[in-house]
Amino acid sequence: MEHPSTGRQFSDPSRSFANLEAALVATMVTAATDIALLLDGDGTIVDVAIREPFLFGEIEKTWIGRQFGDVVTVESKQKVQRMLSERPDQEAPARREINHPMPGGPDLPVGYSIMPLSQTGMRLALGRDLRTMASLQQDLVETQLALETDYARLRSTETQYRVLFDTALEPIVVLDAGTNRIIDANLAARQSFEKEGRRLSGAALATLFHSSSHAGIEALAQAARASGESETANLILVGGERKVPVAARFYRQHGSSRIILRFAIDEQAPSEPIEIDLVSRLGSTIPDGIAVIGPDRRIQDVNESFLDLTEIASRNQVVGHPLDEILGRRGVELAILMKAIDTDGFVRNFSTHLHSRYGGIVEVEVSGSAITKDDQRFYGFTVRQATRAQPRPAPSEPFRSANDMTGLVGRVPLREIIRETADIIEQLCIEAALDITRNNRASAAEMLGLSRQSLYSKLRRHGISGNYSDNDETH
């Protein structure tokens, strides 16, 4: 009979092995397994057979007469009890890993399966030395840990490379030398060459250069491949008019050929003539910070004073980012400023705050206007640090005019602004009534439709004082 988990067995063992001698059976058992324990019905070890004489040393001789569960480690006792309590299965005996304590050394793992021998309850525990398997498992775990360590080191190295690559001020691109197509580019390169939705990744090398320099860049790439050293040539970039130094270096990586190009673009040179011209028209040398944005609110250019205010190291770290990530509350104040410029043509001395690179808050005043260049509308803002912070008035401190409310837009909920506005209107009306009646509170109350007591209460709430008369000649 065959069992699905044990392969093929003898078809008629009762007839095939009926005449075998006991000594021969014992020799077969010893040869077929590393250790065999003869157990009685209570699980007591009656006899022990070991194939390798040095597997246990001499300790197995002390096992005879002891319970099987007494010669194993603590965590293996329940496994032994479960094996002894299970119904014997001659066709597919279950195998479990049991550990034996070894004096002066690590525990010995043995895989045991129990088979019945006779109707009297005698059983045979057949064991297989699992040290080789355990060693392989340990090697596997160590290899896996080593791979995880190498992978973590690789990720750390890749992160360091990416940070250095993207923080380089000069544009750098990496090419596939076989196809002359760009496979990687740093932040400076993307900001310099990715215009009008064009992407660098996968683009042909020739798209970076003016048509007059196509032959020159091909010659430069060939020279770098031939020499294996850094080669330099002066070439005209796309959209440019003057030549700039371009350095090329050929290298191999994992069987692939690569060329790295470095562009020595002077940041002060007009590599982006429209954006630089915008800043110069607004006054790039003034001590106030200047930022120019497009209709999408993304920064086109800034001056050095703006970088000083925001504690940002270089222009490359801010160009292309939304201005409302830095100025005021996101999506609130900048939208108001742009709408005001579209309506009135300019804004002046708008009080708000600016977020610095390292989490600081700077109170500033913002003025701005709009510029049209080549049918494109740009918004220019000057940012000046406030001479002193304008504290928000306490509830007991009245607002003297509606202009004081502009500094609260984007900082204070609309409900509170409306409440404060109502207080302003009420205060102004009371003061106007007192002026008209020449400070006669009785007449002012009648003009406002208030009782004299209600007027007194409001005067105290708004802190209005003066030489007010209670004379009421009409009453």
Protein backbone atom coordinates (compact mmCIF):
# COMPACT_ATOMS: atom_id res chain seq x y z
CA MET A 1 0.00 0.00 0.00
CA GLU A 2 1.28 3.47 -0.86
CA HIS A 3 0.94 6.65 1.19
CA PRO A 4 0.85 10.00 -0.56
CA SER A 5 3.53 11.53 1.69
CA THR A 6 5.98 8.65 1.96
CA GLY A 7 6.34 7.41 -1.61
CA ARG A 8 6.19 3.69 -2.32
CA GLN A 9 6.43 1.04 0.44
CA PHE A 10 6.70 -2.72 0.34
CA SER A 11 3.49 -4.25 -0.94
CA ASP A 12 3.41 -7.21 1.52
CA PRO A 13 5.88 -6.66 4.38
CA SER A 14 4.27 -9.37 6.57
CA ARG A 15 5.26 -12.01 4.04
CA SER A 16 8.55 -10.45 2.82
CA PHE A 17 10.04 -9.94 6.31
CA ALA A 18 8.37 -12.79 8.16
CA ASN A 19 11.55 -14.89 8.42
CA LEU A 20 14.03 -12.14 9.26
CA GLU A 21 16.14 -12.71 12.34
CA ALA A 22 15.96 -10.19 15.18
CA ALA A 23 19.70 -9.45 15.00
CA LEU A 24 19.41 -8.63 11.31
CA VAL A 25 16.45 -6.32 11.92
CA ALA A 26 18.38 -4.52 14.65
CA THR A 27 21.37 -4.10 12.32
CA MET A 28 19.10 -2.70 9.60
CA VAL A 29 17.54 -0.22 12.02
CA THR A 30 20.96 0.97 13.24
CA ALA A 31 22.25 1.33 9.68
CA ALA A 32 19.16 3.20 8.47
CA THR A 33 19.07 5.85 11.21
CA ASP A 34 21.45 7.85 13.38
CA ILE A 35 19.83 6.90 16.69
CA ALA A 36 17.08 4.45 17.67
CA LEU A 37 15.35 4.36 21.06
CA LEU A 38 13.36 1.31 22.15
CA LEU A 39 10.45 2.52 24.27
CA ASP A 40 7.93 0.62 26.37
CA GLY A 41 4.27 1.52 26.65
CA ASP A 42 4.98 4.25 29.25
CA GLY A 43 7.65 5.97 27.17
CA THR A 44 10.57 4.58 29.19
CA ILE A 45 13.78 4.01 27.25
CA VAL A 46 14.48 0.28 27.27
CA ASP A 47 17.48 0.26 24.92
CA VAL A 48 19.52 2.60 22.72
CA ALA A 49 21.24 2.05 19.36
CA ILE A 50 23.57 4.71 17.82
CA ARG A 51 25.22 4.51 14.41
CA GLU A 52 27.99 7.04 15.09
CA PRO A 53 29.86 6.17 18.29
CA PHE A 54 30.76 9.81 19.02
CA LEU A 55 27.31 11.29 18.45
CA PHE A 56 26.46 11.46 22.16
CA GLY A 57 29.72 10.38 23.74
CA GLU A 58 28.88 8.30 26.80
CA ILE A 59 25.70 9.99 27.98
CA GLU A 60 23.33 7.76 26.03
CA LYS A 61 24.23 4.90 28.42
CA THR A 62 22.57 6.82 31.24
CA TRP A 63 19.29 7.08 29.29
CA ILE A 64 18.27 3.46 29.72
CA GLY A 65 15.52 3.21 32.31
CA ARG A 66 14.61 6.91 32.09
CA GLN A 67 11.62 8.54 30.51
CA PHE A 68 12.09 9.80 26.94
CA GLY A 69 10.91 13.27 28.07
CA ASP A 70 13.63 13.41 30.75
CA VAL A 71 16.54 13.29 28.31
CA VAL A 72 15.43 16.23 26.16
CA THR A 73 15.55 20.03 26.63
CA VAL A 74 12.70 21.92 28.31
CA GLU A 75 11.13 23.24 25.11
CA SER A 76 11.10 19.69 23.63
CA LYS A 77 9.21 17.99 26.49
CA GLN A 78 5.78 18.89 25.13
CA LYS A 79 6.76 17.58 21.69
CA VAL A 80 7.76 14.25 23.22
CA GLN A 81 4.52 14.00 25.18
CA ARG A 82 2.53 14.74 22.04
CA MET A 83 4.42 12.09 20.04
CA LEU A 84 3.86 9.46 22.75
CA SER A 85 0.16 10.28 23.08
CA GLU A 86 -0.61 10.22 19.34
CA ARG A 87 -2.06 7.13 17.72
CA PRO A 88 0.80 5.24 16.00
CA ASP A 89 0.77 5.38 12.22
CA GLN A 90 2.84 2.67 10.62
CA GLU A 91 2.50 4.14 7.15
CA ALA A 92 3.42 7.80 7.78
CA PRO A 93 4.87 8.39 11.24
CA ALA A 94 5.11 12.06 12.14
CA ARG A 95 8.62 13.47 12.51
CA ARG A 96 9.44 16.19 15.00
CA GLU A 97 12.61 17.98 15.92
CA ILE A 98 13.74 17.19 19.46
CA ASN A 99 16.76 18.73 21.17
CA HIS A 100 19.01 16.78 23.54
CA PRO A 101 21.14 18.72 26.05
CA MET A 102 24.86 18.11 25.58
CA PRO A 103 27.27 18.79 28.45
CA GLY A 104 29.77 21.50 27.61
CA GLY A 105 28.32 22.19 24.15
CA PRO A 106 25.26 23.25 22.16
CA ASP A 107 22.08 21.18 22.16
CA LEU A 108 21.92 18.33 19.66
CA PRO A 109 18.90 18.52 17.30
CA VAL A 110 17.44 15.14 16.28
CA GLY A 111 14.41 14.52 14.07
CA TYR A 112 12.37 11.65 15.64
CA SER A 113 9.51 9.53 14.35
CA ILE A 114 7.87 6.83 16.49
CA MET A 115 6.75 3.46 15.14
CA PRO A 116 4.91 0.65 16.99
CA LEU A 117 6.69 -2.72 17.25
CA SER A 118 4.18 -5.08 18.83
CA GLN A 119 0.76 -5.37 20.36
CA THR A 120 2.31 -5.04 23.82
CA GLY A 121 2.91 -1.33 23.32
CA MET A 122 6.63 -1.42 22.56
CA ARG A 123 7.68 1.40 20.22
CA LEU A 124 10.74 2.42 18.32
CA ALA A 125 11.84 6.08 18.12
CA LEU A 126 13.94 6.54 14.99
CA GLY A 127 16.12 9.67 15.03
CA ARG A 128 18.09 11.55 12.39
CA ASP A 129 20.93 13.94 13.21
CA LEU A 130 19.84 17.43 12.17
CA ARG A 131 23.07 19.28 12.88
CA THR A 132 23.89 19.52 9.18
CA MET A 133 20.44 20.90 8.46
CA ALA A 134 20.69 23.32 11.37
CA SER A 135 24.09 24.47 10.14
CA LEU A 136 22.65 25.08 6.68
CA GLN A 137 19.73 27.01 8.17
CA GLN A 138 22.12 29.10 10.25
CA ASP A 139 24.25 29.80 7.18
CA LEU A 140 21.09 30.80 5.32
CA VAL A 141 20.06 33.21 8.08
CA GLU A 142 23.56 34.70 8.25
CA THR A 143 23.62 35.09 4.48
CA GLN A 144 20.22 36.78 4.57
CA LEU A 145 21.40 39.16 7.31
CA ALA A 146 24.53 39.92 5.32
CA LEU A 147 22.39 40.65 2.25
CA GLU A 148 20.16 42.96 4.30
CA THR A 149 23.25 44.76 5.62
CA ASP A 150 24.68 45.11 2.11
CA TYR A 151 21.31 46.32 0.83
CA ALA A 152 21.08 48.93 3.60
CA ARG A 153 24.64 50.05 2.82
CA LEU A 154 23.74 50.23 -0.88
CA ARG A 155 20.67 52.36 -0.15
CA SER A 156 22.75 54.64 2.06
CA THR A 157 25.36 55.00 -0.67
CA GLU A 158 22.70 55.63 -3.28
CA THR A 159 21.11 58.30 -1.08
CA GLN A 160 24.47 60.01 -0.58
CA TYR A 161 25.10 59.90 -4.31
CA ARG A 162 21.67 61.37 -5.08
CA VAL A 163 22.13 64.18 -2.53
CA LEU A 164 25.57 65.08 -3.89
CA PHE A 165 24.32 64.74 -7.47
CA ASP A 166 21.33 67.03 -6.98
CA THR A 167 23.10 69.61 -4.82
CA ALA A 168 25.84 70.19 -7.40
CA LEU A 169 25.47 73.74 -8.73
CA GLU A 170 26.64 72.89 -12.24
CA PRO A 171 24.31 70.93 -14.57
CA ILE A 172 25.32 67.27 -14.91
CA VAL A 173 23.80 64.61 -17.18
CA VAL A 174 24.62 60.91 -17.59
CA LEU A 175 24.38 59.32 -21.05
CA ASP A 176 24.18 55.81 -22.41
CA ALA A 177 27.30 55.79 -24.60
CA GLY A 178 25.75 53.27 -26.97
CA THR A 179 22.64 55.30 -27.82
CA ASN A 180 23.74 58.82 -26.79
CA ARG A 181 20.51 59.22 -24.80
CA ILE A 182 20.21 60.76 -21.37
CA ILE A 183 19.54 58.31 -18.54
CA ASP A 184 19.96 60.65 -15.56
CA ALA A 185 20.26 64.37 -14.81
CA ASN A 186 20.72 66.39 -11.65
CA LEU A 187 18.47 69.19 -10.41
CA ALA A 188 20.56 71.97 -11.96
CA ALA A 189 20.42 70.26 -15.37
CA ARG A 190 16.65 69.78 -15.17
CA GLN A 191 16.14 73.42 -14.26
CA SER A 192 18.40 74.56 -17.10
CA PHE A 193 17.13 72.35 -19.92
CA GLU A 194 13.59 71.16 -19.08
CA LYS A 195 11.55 73.89 -20.75
CA GLU A 196 8.00 73.89 -22.14
CA GLY A 197 7.22 70.40 -20.84
CA ARG A 198 10.34 68.82 -22.34
CA ARG A 199 11.91 66.11 -20.19
CA LEU A 200 15.58 65.16 -20.11
CA SER A 201 15.18 61.47 -19.28
CA GLY A 202 15.37 59.51 -22.53
CA ALA A 203 16.11 62.58 -24.65
CA ALA A 204 18.82 62.50 -27.30
CA LEU A 205 22.08 64.25 -26.45
CA ALA A 206 21.83 66.49 -29.51
CA THR A 207 18.68 68.17 -28.12
CA LEU A 208 20.80 69.97 -25.51
CA PHE A 209 22.95 71.77 -28.08
CA HIS A 210 22.54 74.27 -30.84
CA SER A 211 22.59 72.76 -34.32
CA SER A 212 25.99 74.33 -34.95
CA SER A 213 27.46 72.31 -32.06
CA HIS A 214 26.05 68.87 -32.96
CA ALA A 215 29.28 67.82 -34.67
CA GLY A 216 31.28 69.21 -31.75
CA ILE A 217 29.46 67.17 -29.11
CA GLU A 218 29.84 64.00 -31.17
CA ALA A 219 33.58 64.67 -31.43
CA LEU A 220 33.78 65.34 -27.70
CA ALA A 221 32.04 62.05 -26.87
CA GLN A 222 34.37 60.13 -29.17
CA ALA A 223 37.44 61.81 -27.66
CA ALA A 224 36.28 60.93 -24.12
CA ARG A 225 35.68 57.30 -25.13
CA ALA A 226 39.11 57.05 -26.79
CA SER A 227 41.15 58.64 -24.00
CA GLY A 228 39.26 57.46 -20.93
CA GLU A 229 40.04 60.83 -19.39
CA SER A 230 38.05 64.02 -18.96
CA GLU A 231 37.80 65.95 -22.25
CA THR A 232 36.53 69.54 -22.62
CA ALA A 233 35.10 71.53 -25.51
CA ASN A 234 33.39 74.93 -25.88
CA LEU A 235 29.91 74.43 -27.34
CA ILE A 236 26.70 76.43 -27.82
CA LEU A 237 23.71 75.18 -25.86
CA VAL A 238 20.20 75.06 -27.20
CA GLY A 239 18.57 78.48 -27.05
CA GLY A 240 21.91 80.13 -26.33
CA GLU A 241 24.25 82.35 -28.30
CA ARG A 242 27.59 82.02 -26.56
CA LYS A 243 29.85 79.03 -26.08
CA VAL A 244 30.17 77.40 -22.68
CA PRO A 245 32.72 74.81 -21.50
CA VAL A 246 31.41 71.22 -21.54
CA ALA A 247 33.43 68.40 -19.92
CA ALA A 248 32.89 64.72 -20.84
CA ARG A 249 34.14 61.60 -19.06
CA PHE A 250 33.69 58.00 -20.29
CA TYR A 251 33.33 55.07 -17.85
CA ARG A 252 31.91 51.55 -17.66
CA GLN A 253 29.38 50.23 -15.18
CA HIS A 254 28.21 46.61 -14.96
CA GLY A 255 28.96 45.95 -18.59
CA SER A 256 27.36 49.19 -19.80
CA SER A 257 29.15 52.22 -21.22
CA ARG A 258 28.35 55.63 -19.75
CA ILE A 259 29.38 59.23 -20.46
CA ILE A 260 28.98 61.95 -17.86
CA LEU A 261 28.72 65.55 -19.05
CA ARG A 262 29.31 68.63 -16.90
CA PHE A 263 28.23 72.09 -18.07
CA ALA A 264 30.22 75.03 -16.70
CA ILE A 265 27.30 77.46 -16.84
CA ASP A 266 27.98 80.70 -14.98
CA GLU A 267 24.97 81.43 -12.78
CA GLN A 268 25.47 85.16 -13.29
CA ALA A 269 25.46 84.74 -17.09
CA PRO A 270 22.10 85.08 -18.86
CA SER A 271 21.58 81.35 -19.46
CA GLU A 272 17.90 82.04 -18.78
CA PRO A 273 17.56 85.52 -20.27
CA ILE A 274 13.88 86.04 -19.59
CA GLU A 275 14.06 85.21 -15.87
CA ILE A 276 17.28 87.17 -15.23
CA ASP A 277 15.85 90.14 -17.13
CA LEU A 278 12.74 90.08 -14.96
CA VAL A 279 14.78 90.32 -11.77
CA SER A 280 17.01 93.07 -13.19
CA ARG A 281 13.97 95.14 -14.16
CA LEU A 282 12.65 94.92 -10.60
CA GLY A 283 16.00 95.96 -9.16
CA SER A 284 18.24 93.01 -8.33
CA THR A 285 20.65 95.08 -6.25
CA ILE A 286 18.26 96.50 -3.66
CA PRO A 287 18.48 95.15 -0.08
CA ASP A 288 14.84 93.99 -0.14
CA GLY A 289 14.14 90.44 -1.19
CA ILE A 290 12.70 90.00 -4.69
CA ALA A 291 10.79 87.01 -6.04
CA VAL A 292 9.28 86.63 -9.51
CA ILE A 293 6.55 84.03 -10.05
CA GLY A 294 4.47 82.87 -12.98
CA PRO A 295 0.68 82.43 -13.09
CA ASP A 296 1.15 78.96 -11.54
CA ARG A 297 2.68 80.63 -8.43
CA ARG A 298 6.02 78.87 -9.00
CA ILE A 299 9.16 80.90 -8.47
CA GLN A 300 10.95 81.94 -11.66
CA ASP A 301 13.82 83.79 -10.03
CA VAL A 302 14.92 85.44 -6.79
CA ASN A 303 17.68 87.79 -5.73
CA GLU A 304 20.35 87.30 -3.07
CA SER A 305 18.42 89.30 -0.46
CA PHE A 306 15.48 86.90 -0.77
CA LEU A 307 17.85 83.97 -0.16
CA ASP A 308 19.21 85.76 2.92
CA LEU A 309 15.71 86.27 4.34
CA THR A 310 14.68 82.65 3.76
CA GLU A 311 18.08 81.16 4.78
CA ILE A 312 18.14 79.19 1.52
CA ALA A 313 21.63 78.37 0.31
CA SER A 314 21.25 78.82 -3.45
CA ARG A 315 18.84 79.86 -6.16
CA ASN A 316 18.62 76.29 -7.46
CA GLN A 317 16.93 75.19 -4.23
CA VAL A 318 14.02 77.59 -4.60
CA VAL A 319 13.41 78.10 -8.36
CA GLY A 320 10.48 75.99 -9.54
CA HIS A 321 8.90 75.70 -6.07
CA PRO A 322 5.58 77.41 -5.19
CA LEU A 323 6.09 80.75 -3.46
CA ASP A 324 3.19 80.11 -1.09
CA GLU A 325 5.25 77.32 0.52
CA ILE A 326 7.47 80.13 1.83
CA LEU A 327 5.25 83.22 2.04
CA GLY A 328 2.21 83.35 4.31
CA ARG A 329 -0.33 80.55 4.52
CA ARG A 330 -0.43 78.18 1.57
CA GLY A 331 -3.06 79.08 -1.01
CA VAL A 332 -4.46 82.04 0.98
CA GLU A 333 -2.37 85.19 1.07
CA LEU A 334 -0.55 84.74 -2.24
CA ALA A 335 -3.86 84.28 -4.05
CA ILE A 336 -5.16 87.48 -2.45
CA LEU A 337 -2.02 89.39 -3.47
CA MET A 338 -2.20 88.19 -7.08
CA LYS A 339 -5.90 89.09 -7.31
CA ALA A 340 -5.22 92.52 -5.85
CA ILE A 341 -2.45 93.11 -8.41
CA ASP A 342 -4.76 92.03 -11.25
CA THR A 343 -7.43 94.44 -9.97
CA ASP A 344 -5.44 97.48 -8.83
CA GLY A 345 -2.15 96.97 -10.61
CA PHE A 346 -0.12 96.74 -7.40
CA VAL A 347 -0.11 96.00 -3.68
CA ARG A 348 1.87 97.92 -1.07
CA ASN A 349 3.12 97.08 2.43
CA PHE A 350 1.00 93.96 2.97
CA SER A 351 1.88 92.58 6.42
CA THR A 352 2.44 88.83 6.56
CA HIS A 353 5.11 86.33 7.59
CA LEU A 354 7.76 84.29 5.81
CA HIS A 355 8.90 80.72 6.58
CA SER A 356 12.69 80.31 6.62
CA ARG A 357 14.46 77.13 5.49
CA TYR A 358 15.02 75.96 9.07
CA GLY A 359 11.54 76.56 10.48
CA GLY A 360 11.82 80.19 11.54
CA ILE A 361 9.05 82.77 11.14
CA VAL A 362 10.00 86.25 9.85
CA GLU A 363 7.46 89.09 9.95
CA VAL A 364 7.63 90.89 6.60
CA GLU A 365 5.90 93.51 4.50
CA VAL A 366 5.18 92.63 0.87
CA SER A 367 4.68 94.93 -2.11
CA GLY A 368 4.16 93.75 -5.64
CA SER A 369 3.20 94.40 -9.21
CA ALA A 370 2.83 92.55 -12.50
CA ILE A 371 5.09 92.41 -15.55
CA THR A 372 4.24 91.20 -19.04
CA LYS A 373 7.07 89.71 -21.06
CA ASP A 374 6.60 88.03 -24.45
CA ASP A 375 2.82 87.76 -23.87
CA GLN A 376 3.45 86.02 -20.52
CA ARG A 377 2.32 87.57 -17.23
CA PHE A 378 4.69 87.46 -14.27
CA TYR A 379 4.21 88.75 -10.74
CA GLY A 380 7.07 90.47 -8.94
CA PHE A 381 7.16 90.87 -5.16
CA THR A 382 9.51 92.78 -2.90
CA VAL A 383 9.78 91.36 0.61
CA ARG A 384 11.04 93.60 3.41
CA GLN A 385 11.57 92.46 6.96
CA ALA A 386 9.27 94.41 9.28
CA THR A 387 11.05 96.79 11.63
CA ARG A 388 9.10 95.33 14.49
CA ALA A 389 6.43 92.67 14.77
CA GLN A 390 2.92 94.02 14.68
CA PRO A 391 1.18 92.18 17.53
CA ARG A 392 -2.38 91.19 17.05
CA PRO A 393 -4.60 93.51 19.13
CA ALA A 394 -5.99 92.04 22.31
CA PRO A 395 -9.79 91.79 22.62
CA SER A 396 -9.75 94.88 24.83
CA GLU A 397 -7.77 96.92 22.30
CA PRO A 398 -9.96 98.50 19.62
CA PHE A 399 -9.18 98.60 15.94
CA ARG A 400 -8.88 102.16 14.76
CA SER A 401 -9.59 101.45 11.10
CA ALA A 402 -10.59 98.69 8.71
CA ASN A 403 -7.05 98.62 7.31
CA ASP A 404 -5.93 96.87 10.50
CA MET A 405 -7.88 93.82 9.36
CA THR A 406 -5.70 93.09 6.33
CA GLY A 407 -2.94 91.66 8.50
CA LEU A 408 -5.36 89.04 9.82
CA VAL A 409 -6.36 87.55 6.45
CA GLY A 410 -5.06 84.00 6.28
CA ARG A 411 -4.08 83.94 9.96
CA VAL A 412 -7.43 84.29 11.73
CA PRO A 413 -10.66 82.36 10.97
CA LEU A 414 -13.22 84.28 8.90
CA ARG A 415 -15.79 84.13 11.71
CA GLU A 416 -13.47 86.01 14.06
CA ILE A 417 -12.59 88.59 11.38
CA ILE A 418 -16.32 89.25 10.80
CA ARG A 419 -16.87 89.68 14.55
CA GLU A 420 -13.97 92.11 14.79
CA THR A 421 -15.23 94.00 11.73
CA ALA A 422 -18.66 94.44 13.35
CA ASP A 423 -16.94 95.88 16.43
CA ILE A 424 -15.03 98.34 14.21
CA ILE A 425 -18.23 99.52 12.51
CA GLU A 426 -20.03 99.86 15.84
CA GLN A 427 -17.16 101.85 17.36
CA LEU A 428 -16.89 104.16 14.35
CA CYS A 429 -20.65 104.84 14.38
CA ILE A 430 -20.64 105.69 18.09
CA GLU A 431 -17.66 108.02 17.67
CA ALA A 432 -19.36 109.70 14.67
CA ALA A 433 -22.58 110.20 16.62
CA LEU A 434 -20.66 111.74 19.52
CA ASP A 435 -18.87 114.08 17.14
CA ILE A 436 -22.12 115.16 15.48
CA THR A 437 -23.82 115.81 18.84
CA ARG A 438 -20.74 117.56 20.19
CA ASN A 439 -20.13 114.80 22.71
CA ASN A 440 -23.68 114.76 24.12
CA ARG A 441 -24.23 111.13 25.04
CA ALA A 442 -27.99 111.50 25.49
CA SER A 443 -28.39 112.91 21.99
CA ALA A 444 -25.95 110.36 20.56
CA ALA A 445 -27.95 107.50 22.08
CA GLU A 446 -31.15 108.90 20.56
CA MET A 447 -29.46 109.28 17.17
CA LEU A 448 -28.23 105.69 17.29
CA GLY A 449 -31.55 104.32 18.48
CA LEU A 450 -30.05 103.11 21.75
CA SER A 451 -31.00 103.59 25.35
CA ARG A 452 -28.66 105.72 27.38
CA GLN A 453 -27.68 102.66 29.45
CA SER A 454 -26.85 100.61 26.32
CA LEU A 455 -24.71 103.44 24.99
CA TYR A 456 -22.79 103.66 28.27
CA SER A 457 -22.16 99.91 28.15
CA LYS A 458 -20.79 100.13 24.61
CA LEU A 459 -18.62 103.12 25.48
CA ARG A 460 -17.02 101.10 28.27
CA ARG A 461 -16.59 98.01 26.04
CA HIS A 462 -14.87 99.98 23.28
CA GLY A 463 -12.86 102.10 25.72
CA ILE A 464 -14.25 105.39 24.39
CA SER A 465 -13.68 108.21 26.83
CA GLY A 466 -13.67 112.02 26.71
CA ASN A 467 -15.55 115.12 27.82
CA TYR A 468 -18.93 113.71 27.03
CA SER A 469 -21.97 115.49 28.42
CA ASP A 470 -25.10 113.88 29.80
CA ASN A 471 -27.10 117.13 29.15
CA ASP A 472 -30.31 116.25 27.41
CA GLU A 473 -32.31 119.41 26.88
CA THR A 474 -34.86 117.67 24.69
CA HIS A 475 -35.98 115.30 27.42
